[in-house]
Amino acid sequence: QIIKQVSVRFDSKTLHIPAHSADKLSSMKDVDWNNFLKRVCSLLDSTEKNTGAARSKLNLLYYLCTVAVHKEIASRLMNSQLFPILIQQLRAAASWDIRTKVARVMGLLALHTSELGENVPVSEAITLLTELIRENFRIIKLKQCLLPALGELLYLVAREEEKGEHPRECWAVPSAAYTVLMRCLREG
């Protein structure tokens, strides 16, 4: 049983970057896009531990959820330095709120991306999500937040392999991912 995600709203007043629309982001010149991306990455990568910093990260993740549903933006974000930072946040964030929102952003990026570069560490994300689900298997709410992202990443890999443009080794899917997925389906 996977909970349907409620729509997210971000507060543009407390967002520490300009809240550009997806149309504005897609029409940005490369220099402006790179500057925007650097600011997003630096805000996510911030190591501050106070409540305000956590709230700020959550707000940024909500914003990323709203722009990640556009194919061009999703592809650009997926193939940028943002994806490795999302993996790092999924691994290291102290708050499960942040981890679940990071997983949601990853899932939305995987769902809406139209092309995937072979250097995107999708296998690492799949492995990490698998480990988090396995370690927290009895926490149903958490599992319901992480499973959609895992499913979208697996589907993205299958879609890319079907195209046959990249070697199969690019995105090796660990067998543990399938085992955990099947266990979740069997045991709920």
N, C-alpha and C. Protein backbone atom coordinates (compact mmCIF):
# COMPACT_ATOMS: atom_id res chain seq x y z
N GLN A 1 0.85 -1.16 0.00
CA GLN A 1 0.00 0.00 0.00
C GLN A 1 0.90 1.24 0.00
N ILE A 2 0.84 1.99 -1.09
CA ILE A 2 1.66 3.19 -1.22
C ILE A 2 0.73 4.40 -1.12
N ILE A 3 1.06 5.29 -0.23
CA ILE A 3 0.23 6.47 0.00
C ILE A 3 0.41 7.44 -1.16
N LYS A 4 -0.71 7.97 -1.66
CA LYS A 4 -0.65 8.99 -2.68
C LYS A 4 -0.09 10.27 -2.05
N GLN A 5 0.93 10.81 -2.66
CA GLN A 5 1.58 11.99 -2.10
C GLN A 5 0.68 13.21 -2.26
N VAL A 6 0.61 14.01 -1.22
CA VAL A 6 -0.14 15.25 -1.30
C VAL A 6 0.71 16.26 -2.06
N SER A 7 0.02 17.22 -2.68
CA SER A 7 0.78 18.22 -3.42
C SER A 7 1.61 19.05 -2.44
N VAL A 8 2.75 19.46 -2.90
CA VAL A 8 3.66 20.21 -2.04
C VAL A 8 3.59 21.70 -2.37
N ARG A 9 3.77 22.47 -1.36
CA ARG A 9 3.81 23.92 -1.53
C ARG A 9 5.07 24.42 -0.85
N PHE A 10 5.75 25.29 -1.55
CA PHE A 10 6.95 25.89 -0.98
C PHE A 10 6.64 27.35 -0.70
N ASP A 11 7.40 27.90 0.22
CA ASP A 11 7.25 29.30 0.58
C ASP A 11 8.32 30.09 -0.15
N SER A 12 7.92 30.83 -1.17
CA SER A 12 8.90 31.56 -1.98
C SER A 12 9.59 32.67 -1.19
N LYS A 13 8.95 33.14 -0.12
CA LYS A 13 9.56 34.21 0.69
C LYS A 13 10.76 33.70 1.48
N THR A 14 10.72 32.44 1.91
CA THR A 14 11.83 31.91 2.71
C THR A 14 12.78 31.05 1.88
N LEU A 15 12.51 30.92 0.60
CA LEU A 15 13.40 30.18 -0.30
C LEU A 15 14.62 31.04 -0.56
N HIS A 16 15.80 30.49 -0.37
CA HIS A 16 17.02 31.29 -0.47
C HIS A 16 17.55 31.40 -1.89
N ILE A 17 16.72 31.04 -2.84
CA ILE A 17 17.04 31.21 -4.27
C ILE A 17 15.80 31.81 -4.93
N PRO A 18 15.95 32.40 -6.10
CA PRO A 18 14.75 32.89 -6.79
C PRO A 18 13.87 31.70 -7.18
N ALA A 19 12.58 31.81 -6.93
CA ALA A 19 11.63 30.73 -7.23
C ALA A 19 11.19 30.82 -8.68
N HIS A 20 12.09 30.47 -9.58
CA HIS A 20 11.78 30.54 -11.00
C HIS A 20 10.79 29.44 -11.38
N SER A 21 9.95 29.76 -12.34
CA SER A 21 9.04 28.75 -12.88
C SER A 21 9.84 27.80 -13.77
N ALA A 22 9.24 26.68 -14.10
CA ALA A 22 9.92 25.72 -14.97
C ALA A 22 10.19 26.34 -16.34
N ASP A 23 9.25 27.15 -16.82
CA ASP A 23 9.45 27.81 -18.12
C ASP A 23 10.64 28.75 -18.08
N LYS A 24 10.75 29.50 -17.00
CA LYS A 24 11.89 30.42 -16.84
C LYS A 24 13.20 29.62 -16.75
N LEU A 25 13.19 28.52 -16.00
CA LEU A 25 14.39 27.70 -15.87
C LEU A 25 14.80 27.11 -17.22
N SER A 26 13.84 26.66 -18.01
CA SER A 26 14.18 26.04 -19.29
C SER A 26 14.68 27.05 -20.31
N SER A 27 14.33 28.32 -20.12
CA SER A 27 14.80 29.33 -21.07
C SER A 27 16.09 30.03 -20.60
N MET A 28 16.63 29.61 -19.47
CA MET A 28 17.86 30.24 -18.96
C MET A 28 19.06 29.92 -19.84
N LYS A 29 19.94 30.89 -19.94
CA LYS A 29 21.22 30.65 -20.61
C LYS A 29 22.06 29.73 -19.73
N ASP A 30 23.04 29.07 -20.31
CA ASP A 30 23.86 28.11 -19.58
C ASP A 30 24.53 28.72 -18.34
N VAL A 31 25.01 29.95 -18.45
CA VAL A 31 25.68 30.60 -17.32
C VAL A 31 24.71 30.79 -16.17
N ASP A 32 23.51 31.28 -16.48
CA ASP A 32 22.50 31.50 -15.44
C ASP A 32 22.05 30.18 -14.83
N TRP A 33 21.87 29.16 -15.69
CA TRP A 33 21.47 27.84 -15.20
C TRP A 33 22.52 27.29 -14.24
N ASN A 34 23.79 27.39 -14.62
CA ASN A 34 24.88 26.88 -13.78
C ASN A 34 24.94 27.62 -12.44
N ASN A 35 24.73 28.93 -12.46
CA ASN A 35 24.71 29.71 -11.22
C ASN A 35 23.54 29.28 -10.33
N PHE A 36 22.38 29.10 -10.94
CA PHE A 36 21.20 28.65 -10.21
C PHE A 36 21.47 27.28 -9.58
N LEU A 37 22.02 26.38 -10.37
CA LEU A 37 22.30 25.02 -9.91
C LEU A 37 23.33 25.01 -8.78
N LYS A 38 24.35 25.85 -8.88
CA LYS A 38 25.36 25.94 -7.82
C LYS A 38 24.73 26.39 -6.51
N ARG A 39 23.82 27.35 -6.59
CA ARG A 39 23.16 27.84 -5.37
C ARG A 39 22.29 26.75 -4.75
N VAL A 40 21.55 26.03 -5.59
CA VAL A 40 20.70 24.94 -5.10
C VAL A 40 21.57 23.89 -4.42
N CYS A 41 22.65 23.50 -5.09
CA CYS A 41 23.53 22.46 -4.54
C CYS A 41 24.18 22.91 -3.24
N SER A 42 24.61 24.17 -3.17
CA SER A 42 25.26 24.63 -1.95
C SER A 42 24.26 24.71 -0.79
N LEU A 43 23.02 25.08 -1.07
CA LEU A 43 22.00 25.11 -0.01
C LEU A 43 21.70 23.70 0.49
N LEU A 44 21.61 22.74 -0.42
CA LEU A 44 21.34 21.37 -0.01
C LEU A 44 22.52 20.75 0.72
N ASP A 45 23.71 21.12 0.30
CA ASP A 45 24.93 20.54 0.86
C ASP A 45 25.33 21.18 2.18
N SER A 46 24.61 22.21 2.59
CA SER A 46 24.92 22.92 3.84
C SER A 46 24.91 21.95 5.02
N THR A 47 25.88 22.11 5.91
CA THR A 47 26.01 21.19 7.05
C THR A 47 25.46 21.79 8.35
N GLU A 48 24.78 22.91 8.25
CA GLU A 48 24.19 23.51 9.45
C GLU A 48 23.17 22.54 10.05
N LYS A 49 23.14 22.48 11.37
CA LYS A 49 22.28 21.51 12.06
C LYS A 49 21.08 22.14 12.78
N ASN A 50 20.90 23.44 12.66
CA ASN A 50 19.80 24.07 13.41
C ASN A 50 18.45 23.85 12.72
N THR A 51 17.39 24.17 13.43
CA THR A 51 16.04 23.95 12.94
C THR A 51 15.75 24.78 11.69
N GLY A 52 16.24 26.00 11.68
CA GLY A 52 16.03 26.88 10.53
C GLY A 52 16.66 26.32 9.26
N ALA A 53 17.83 25.73 9.39
CA ALA A 53 18.51 25.14 8.23
C ALA A 53 17.71 23.94 7.71
N ALA A 54 17.18 23.13 8.61
CA ALA A 54 16.38 21.98 8.20
C ALA A 54 15.11 22.45 7.49
N ARG A 55 14.47 23.46 8.04
CA ARG A 55 13.26 24.01 7.42
C ARG A 55 13.57 24.58 6.04
N SER A 56 14.71 25.25 5.94
CA SER A 56 15.14 25.83 4.67
C SER A 56 15.38 24.74 3.62
N LYS A 57 16.02 23.63 4.03
CA LYS A 57 16.25 22.51 3.11
C LYS A 57 14.94 21.89 2.67
N LEU A 58 14.01 21.71 3.60
CA LEU A 58 12.71 21.16 3.25
C LEU A 58 11.99 22.04 2.25
N ASN A 59 12.04 23.34 2.48
CA ASN A 59 11.40 24.29 1.57
C ASN A 59 12.02 24.19 0.17
N LEU A 60 13.33 24.08 0.11
CA LEU A 60 14.02 23.93 -1.17
C LEU A 60 13.62 22.62 -1.85
N LEU A 61 13.51 21.55 -1.07
CA LEU A 61 13.09 20.27 -1.64
C LEU A 61 11.65 20.33 -2.16
N TYR A 62 10.78 21.06 -1.46
CA TYR A 62 9.42 21.26 -1.96
C TYR A 62 9.45 21.98 -3.30
N TYR A 63 10.29 23.00 -3.39
CA TYR A 63 10.42 23.74 -4.65
C TYR A 63 10.91 22.81 -5.77
N LEU A 64 11.92 22.00 -5.46
CA LEU A 64 12.44 21.07 -6.47
C LEU A 64 11.37 20.08 -6.91
N CYS A 65 10.49 19.68 -6.00
CA CYS A 65 9.38 18.79 -6.37
C CYS A 65 8.46 19.45 -7.40
N THR A 66 8.26 20.75 -7.27
CA THR A 66 7.36 21.43 -8.21
C THR A 66 7.97 21.60 -9.59
N VAL A 67 9.29 21.79 -9.67
CA VAL A 67 9.90 21.97 -11.00
C VAL A 67 10.34 20.65 -11.62
N ALA A 68 10.48 19.61 -10.81
CA ALA A 68 10.96 18.31 -11.32
C ALA A 68 9.92 17.58 -12.16
N VAL A 69 8.70 18.08 -12.19
CA VAL A 69 7.66 17.41 -12.99
C VAL A 69 7.69 17.85 -14.46
N HIS A 70 8.59 18.73 -14.81
CA HIS A 70 8.73 19.17 -16.20
C HIS A 70 9.90 18.42 -16.83
N LYS A 71 9.65 17.78 -17.96
CA LYS A 71 10.61 16.87 -18.57
C LYS A 71 11.99 17.49 -18.79
N GLU A 72 12.02 18.68 -19.36
CA GLU A 72 13.32 19.29 -19.66
C GLU A 72 14.10 19.61 -18.38
N ILE A 73 13.40 20.16 -17.40
CA ILE A 73 14.06 20.50 -16.13
C ILE A 73 14.49 19.23 -15.41
N ALA A 74 13.63 18.21 -15.41
CA ALA A 74 13.98 16.94 -14.76
C ALA A 74 15.24 16.35 -15.39
N SER A 75 15.32 16.37 -16.70
CA SER A 75 16.50 15.82 -17.38
C SER A 75 17.75 16.61 -17.04
N ARG A 76 17.62 17.93 -17.02
CA ARG A 76 18.80 18.76 -16.70
C ARG A 76 19.25 18.54 -15.25
N LEU A 77 18.29 18.45 -14.34
CA LEU A 77 18.63 18.24 -12.93
C LEU A 77 19.20 16.84 -12.70
N MET A 78 18.60 15.85 -13.35
CA MET A 78 19.04 14.46 -13.18
C MET A 78 20.49 14.28 -13.65
N ASN A 79 20.84 14.95 -14.72
CA ASN A 79 22.17 14.80 -15.31
C ASN A 79 23.16 15.85 -14.80
N SER A 80 22.84 16.50 -13.71
CA SER A 80 23.72 17.54 -13.15
C SER A 80 24.37 17.04 -11.87
N GLN A 81 25.10 17.94 -11.23
CA GLN A 81 25.75 17.60 -9.95
C GLN A 81 24.74 17.53 -8.81
N LEU A 82 23.47 17.86 -9.07
CA LEU A 82 22.45 17.80 -8.03
C LEU A 82 22.16 16.37 -7.58
N PHE A 83 22.12 15.42 -8.53
CA PHE A 83 21.73 14.05 -8.18
C PHE A 83 22.69 13.43 -7.16
N PRO A 84 24.02 13.54 -7.33
CA PRO A 84 24.92 13.01 -6.29
C PRO A 84 24.72 13.68 -4.93
N ILE A 85 24.36 14.96 -4.92
CA ILE A 85 24.12 15.65 -3.65
C ILE A 85 22.84 15.13 -3.01
N LEU A 86 21.84 14.81 -3.83
CA LEU A 86 20.61 14.21 -3.29
C LEU A 86 20.92 12.86 -2.64
N ILE A 87 21.78 12.08 -3.29
CA ILE A 87 22.17 10.79 -2.72
C ILE A 87 22.87 11.00 -1.38
N GLN A 88 23.76 11.97 -1.34
CA GLN A 88 24.48 12.28 -0.10
C GLN A 88 23.50 12.70 1.00
N GLN A 89 22.51 13.51 0.66
CA GLN A 89 21.52 13.94 1.64
C GLN A 89 20.67 12.77 2.12
N LEU A 90 20.34 11.88 1.20
CA LEU A 90 19.56 10.69 1.57
C LEU A 90 20.33 9.84 2.56
N ARG A 91 21.63 9.79 2.39
CA ARG A 91 22.49 8.98 3.26
C ARG A 91 22.72 9.67 4.61
N ALA A 92 22.93 10.97 4.61
CA ALA A 92 23.47 11.63 5.80
C ALA A 92 22.50 12.53 6.56
N ALA A 93 21.38 12.87 5.98
CA ALA A 93 20.48 13.82 6.66
C ALA A 93 20.03 13.27 8.01
N ALA A 94 20.03 14.13 9.00
CA ALA A 94 19.64 13.71 10.35
C ALA A 94 18.12 13.54 10.44
N SER A 95 17.40 14.30 9.67
CA SER A 95 15.94 14.29 9.72
C SER A 95 15.35 13.35 8.68
N TRP A 96 14.40 12.52 9.12
CA TRP A 96 13.72 11.64 8.17
C TRP A 96 12.79 12.44 7.26
N ASP A 97 12.34 13.62 7.71
CA ASP A 97 11.53 14.47 6.84
C ASP A 97 12.34 14.84 5.60
N ILE A 98 13.59 15.24 5.83
CA ILE A 98 14.46 15.60 4.70
C ILE A 98 14.73 14.38 3.83
N ARG A 99 15.02 13.26 4.44
CA ARG A 99 15.30 12.04 3.66
C ARG A 99 14.11 11.65 2.78
N THR A 100 12.90 11.72 3.33
CA THR A 100 11.74 11.32 2.53
C THR A 100 11.47 12.31 1.40
N LYS A 101 11.72 13.58 1.64
CA LYS A 101 11.54 14.58 0.57
C LYS A 101 12.62 14.43 -0.49
N VAL A 102 13.84 14.09 -0.08
CA VAL A 102 14.91 13.84 -1.05
C VAL A 102 14.52 12.65 -1.92
N ALA A 103 13.99 11.61 -1.30
CA ALA A 103 13.55 10.43 -2.06
C ALA A 103 12.44 10.81 -3.03
N ARG A 104 11.54 11.68 -2.60
CA ARG A 104 10.47 12.12 -3.49
C ARG A 104 11.02 12.88 -4.69
N VAL A 105 11.97 13.78 -4.44
CA VAL A 105 12.59 14.52 -5.56
C VAL A 105 13.26 13.54 -6.52
N MET A 106 14.00 12.56 -5.97
CA MET A 106 14.66 11.57 -6.82
C MET A 106 13.64 10.79 -7.66
N GLY A 107 12.55 10.41 -7.04
CA GLY A 107 11.51 9.68 -7.76
C GLY A 107 10.89 10.52 -8.86
N LEU A 108 10.61 11.78 -8.57
CA LEU A 108 10.04 12.67 -9.59
C LEU A 108 11.03 12.90 -10.74
N LEU A 109 12.30 13.07 -10.40
CA LEU A 109 13.31 13.24 -11.46
C LEU A 109 13.36 11.99 -12.33
N ALA A 110 13.35 10.82 -11.71
CA ALA A 110 13.41 9.56 -12.46
C ALA A 110 12.18 9.39 -13.34
N LEU A 111 11.03 9.77 -12.83
CA LEU A 111 9.78 9.63 -13.58
C LEU A 111 9.75 10.55 -14.80
N HIS A 112 10.22 11.77 -14.63
CA HIS A 112 10.04 12.77 -15.68
C HIS A 112 11.25 13.00 -16.57
N THR A 113 12.38 12.42 -16.26
CA THR A 113 13.56 12.64 -17.10
C THR A 113 13.39 11.91 -18.43
N SER A 114 13.82 12.54 -19.48
CA SER A 114 13.67 11.92 -20.80
C SER A 114 14.97 11.30 -21.29
N GLU A 115 16.08 11.73 -20.73
CA GLU A 115 17.36 11.13 -21.10
C GLU A 115 18.25 11.05 -19.88
N LEU A 116 19.02 9.99 -19.83
CA LEU A 116 19.86 9.74 -18.66
C LEU A 116 21.29 9.54 -19.12
N GLY A 117 22.20 10.36 -18.60
CA GLY A 117 23.61 10.21 -18.92
C GLY A 117 24.19 9.00 -18.22
N GLU A 118 25.17 8.37 -18.85
CA GLU A 118 25.71 7.14 -18.25
C GLU A 118 26.54 7.39 -17.00
N ASN A 119 26.89 8.64 -16.71
CA ASN A 119 27.67 8.92 -15.50
C ASN A 119 26.80 9.26 -14.29
N VAL A 120 25.47 9.23 -14.45
CA VAL A 120 24.57 9.51 -13.33
C VAL A 120 24.57 8.28 -12.41
N PRO A 121 24.86 8.48 -11.11
CA PRO A 121 25.01 7.34 -10.19
C PRO A 121 23.67 6.73 -9.74
N VAL A 122 22.89 6.26 -10.71
CA VAL A 122 21.58 5.68 -10.41
C VAL A 122 21.73 4.41 -9.57
N SER A 123 22.74 3.60 -9.88
CA SER A 123 22.94 2.36 -9.12
C SER A 123 23.19 2.64 -7.64
N GLU A 124 23.93 3.70 -7.37
CA GLU A 124 24.20 4.08 -5.98
C GLU A 124 22.91 4.48 -5.27
N ALA A 125 22.05 5.22 -5.97
CA ALA A 125 20.78 5.63 -5.38
C ALA A 125 19.88 4.42 -5.12
N ILE A 126 19.86 3.48 -6.06
CA ILE A 126 19.04 2.27 -5.89
C ILE A 126 19.56 1.46 -4.70
N THR A 127 20.87 1.31 -4.60
CA THR A 127 21.47 0.57 -3.49
C THR A 127 21.14 1.22 -2.16
N LEU A 128 21.26 2.54 -2.09
CA LEU A 128 20.99 3.25 -0.84
C LEU A 128 19.51 3.14 -0.45
N LEU A 129 18.61 3.34 -1.39
CA LEU A 129 17.18 3.21 -1.09
C LEU A 129 16.85 1.79 -0.62
N THR A 130 17.47 0.80 -1.27
CA THR A 130 17.27 -0.59 -0.87
C THR A 130 17.71 -0.82 0.57
N GLU A 131 18.89 -0.30 0.91
CA GLU A 131 19.41 -0.45 2.28
C GLU A 131 18.50 0.24 3.29
N LEU A 132 18.04 1.44 2.97
CA LEU A 132 17.18 2.18 3.90
C LEU A 132 15.85 1.45 4.11
N ILE A 133 15.30 0.89 3.04
CA ILE A 133 14.04 0.14 3.18
C ILE A 133 14.27 -1.11 4.01
N ARG A 134 15.36 -1.82 3.72
CA ARG A 134 15.65 -3.06 4.45
C ARG A 134 15.89 -2.78 5.94
N GLU A 135 16.65 -1.72 6.24
CA GLU A 135 16.95 -1.39 7.64
C GLU A 135 15.72 -0.92 8.41
N ASN A 136 14.77 -0.34 7.71
CA ASN A 136 13.58 0.22 8.36
C ASN A 136 12.32 -0.48 7.88
N PHE A 137 12.42 -1.77 7.66
CA PHE A 137 11.34 -2.52 7.04
C PHE A 137 10.04 -2.48 7.84
N ARG A 138 10.13 -2.42 9.15
CA ARG A 138 8.93 -2.44 9.99
C ARG A 138 8.28 -1.06 10.14
N ILE A 139 8.94 -0.02 9.67
CA ILE A 139 8.37 1.33 9.75
C ILE A 139 7.60 1.59 8.46
N ILE A 140 6.31 1.33 8.51
CA ILE A 140 5.47 1.33 7.31
C ILE A 140 5.45 2.69 6.62
N LYS A 141 5.28 3.76 7.39
CA LYS A 141 5.21 5.11 6.80
C LYS A 141 6.48 5.43 6.01
N LEU A 142 7.61 5.08 6.57
CA LEU A 142 8.89 5.34 5.92
C LEU A 142 9.02 4.52 4.63
N LYS A 143 8.64 3.27 4.74
CA LYS A 143 8.69 2.38 3.58
C LYS A 143 7.80 2.92 2.46
N GLN A 144 6.64 3.46 2.82
CA GLN A 144 5.72 4.01 1.83
C GLN A 144 6.28 5.26 1.15
N CYS A 145 7.19 5.94 1.80
CA CYS A 145 7.82 7.12 1.21
C CYS A 145 9.00 6.75 0.31
N LEU A 146 9.71 5.68 0.66
CA LEU A 146 10.93 5.31 -0.07
C LEU A 146 10.66 4.40 -1.27
N LEU A 147 9.63 3.56 -1.17
CA LEU A 147 9.35 2.60 -2.25
C LEU A 147 9.04 3.25 -3.60
N PRO A 148 8.24 4.33 -3.66
CA PRO A 148 7.99 4.94 -4.97
C PRO A 148 9.26 5.41 -5.68
N ALA A 149 10.19 5.98 -4.92
CA ALA A 149 11.44 6.44 -5.53
C ALA A 149 12.25 5.26 -6.06
N LEU A 150 12.31 4.18 -5.28
CA LEU A 150 13.01 2.99 -5.74
C LEU A 150 12.38 2.45 -7.02
N GLY A 151 11.06 2.38 -7.03
CA GLY A 151 10.35 1.89 -8.21
C GLY A 151 10.60 2.75 -9.44
N GLU A 152 10.58 4.05 -9.28
CA GLU A 152 10.81 4.96 -10.41
C GLU A 152 12.23 4.82 -10.95
N LEU A 153 13.21 4.68 -10.05
CA LEU A 153 14.59 4.52 -10.49
C LEU A 153 14.77 3.19 -11.23
N LEU A 154 14.15 2.13 -10.73
CA LEU A 154 14.23 0.83 -11.43
C LEU A 154 13.58 0.92 -12.80
N TYR A 155 12.46 1.60 -12.88
CA TYR A 155 11.77 1.76 -14.16
C TYR A 155 12.61 2.59 -15.13
N LEU A 156 13.25 3.63 -14.62
CA LEU A 156 14.11 4.47 -15.45
C LEU A 156 15.26 3.65 -16.04
N VAL A 157 15.89 2.82 -15.22
CA VAL A 157 16.98 1.97 -15.70
C VAL A 157 16.46 1.01 -16.77
N ALA A 158 15.31 0.41 -16.53
CA ALA A 158 14.73 -0.52 -17.51
C ALA A 158 14.43 0.20 -18.82
N ARG A 159 13.90 1.41 -18.72
CA ARG A 159 13.60 2.20 -19.92
C ARG A 159 14.87 2.51 -20.70
N GLU A 160 15.92 2.90 -20.00
CA GLU A 160 17.18 3.24 -20.66
C GLU A 160 17.83 2.01 -21.28
N GLU A 161 17.76 0.89 -20.58
CA GLU A 161 18.35 -0.34 -21.13
C GLU A 161 17.60 -0.80 -22.37
N GLU A 162 16.29 -0.54 -22.39
CA GLU A 162 15.48 -0.90 -23.54
C GLU A 162 15.90 -0.10 -24.78
N LYS A 163 16.29 1.15 -24.56
CA LYS A 163 16.78 1.98 -25.67
C LYS A 163 18.06 1.41 -26.24
N GLY A 164 18.88 0.80 -25.37
CA GLY A 164 20.12 0.17 -25.81
C GLY A 164 21.24 1.11 -26.19
N GLU A 165 21.16 2.38 -25.78
CA GLU A 165 22.19 3.35 -26.14
C GLU A 165 23.44 3.24 -25.28
N HIS A 166 23.29 2.75 -24.06
CA HIS A 166 24.42 2.67 -23.14
C HIS A 166 24.67 1.20 -22.78
N PRO A 167 25.90 0.89 -22.41
CA PRO A 167 26.17 -0.48 -21.98
C PRO A 167 25.40 -0.83 -20.71
N ARG A 168 25.04 -2.07 -20.56
CA ARG A 168 24.24 -2.52 -19.43
C ARG A 168 24.93 -2.30 -18.09
N GLU A 169 26.26 -2.23 -18.08
CA GLU A 169 27.00 -2.07 -16.83
C GLU A 169 26.82 -0.69 -16.23
N CYS A 170 26.37 0.28 -17.02
CA CYS A 170 26.24 1.65 -16.53
C CYS A 170 25.40 1.73 -15.27
N TRP A 171 24.29 1.03 -15.28
CA TRP A 171 23.36 1.14 -14.16
C TRP A 171 23.04 -0.26 -13.65
N ALA A 172 24.03 -0.89 -13.10
CA ALA A 172 23.82 -2.24 -12.56
C ALA A 172 22.86 -2.16 -11.37
N VAL A 173 21.83 -2.96 -11.42
CA VAL A 173 20.85 -2.99 -10.34
C VAL A 173 21.18 -4.17 -9.44
N PRO A 174 21.44 -3.91 -8.16
CA PRO A 174 21.77 -5.01 -7.25
C PRO A 174 20.56 -5.93 -7.06
N SER A 175 20.83 -7.21 -6.95
CA SER A 175 19.73 -8.17 -6.79
C SER A 175 18.97 -7.92 -5.49
N ALA A 176 19.64 -7.32 -4.51
CA ALA A 176 18.97 -7.01 -3.24
C ALA A 176 17.79 -6.07 -3.45
N ALA A 177 17.87 -5.20 -4.46
CA ALA A 177 16.76 -4.28 -4.74
C ALA A 177 15.51 -5.06 -5.12
N TYR A 178 15.68 -6.08 -5.96
CA TYR A 178 14.54 -6.89 -6.36
C TYR A 178 14.03 -7.72 -5.19
N THR A 179 14.96 -8.21 -4.37
CA THR A 179 14.57 -9.01 -3.20
C THR A 179 13.74 -8.17 -2.24
N VAL A 180 14.20 -6.96 -1.94
CA VAL A 180 13.48 -6.07 -1.03
C VAL A 180 12.13 -5.69 -1.62
N LEU A 181 12.11 -5.40 -2.90
CA LEU A 181 10.87 -5.04 -3.57
C LEU A 181 9.85 -6.18 -3.50
N MET A 182 10.30 -7.38 -3.78
CA MET A 182 9.41 -8.54 -3.72
C MET A 182 8.93 -8.79 -2.29
N ARG A 183 9.82 -8.60 -1.32
CA ARG A 183 9.43 -8.79 0.09
C ARG A 183 8.38 -7.76 0.48
N CYS A 184 8.54 -6.52 0.02
CA CYS A 184 7.56 -5.48 0.31
C CYS A 184 6.21 -5.82 -0.31
N LEU A 185 6.24 -6.33 -1.52
CA LEU A 185 4.99 -6.70 -2.19
C LEU A 185 4.31 -7.87 -1.47
N ARG A 186 5.12 -8.81 -1.02
CA ARG A 186 4.59 -9.99 -0.35
C ARG A 186 4.05 -9.67 1.04
N GLU A 187 4.84 -8.90 1.80
CA GLU A 187 4.51 -8.69 3.21
C GLU A 187 3.80 -7.36 3.47
N GLY A 188 3.73 -6.50 2.48
CA GLY A 188 3.04 -5.23 2.65
C GLY A 188 3.82 -4.18 3.35
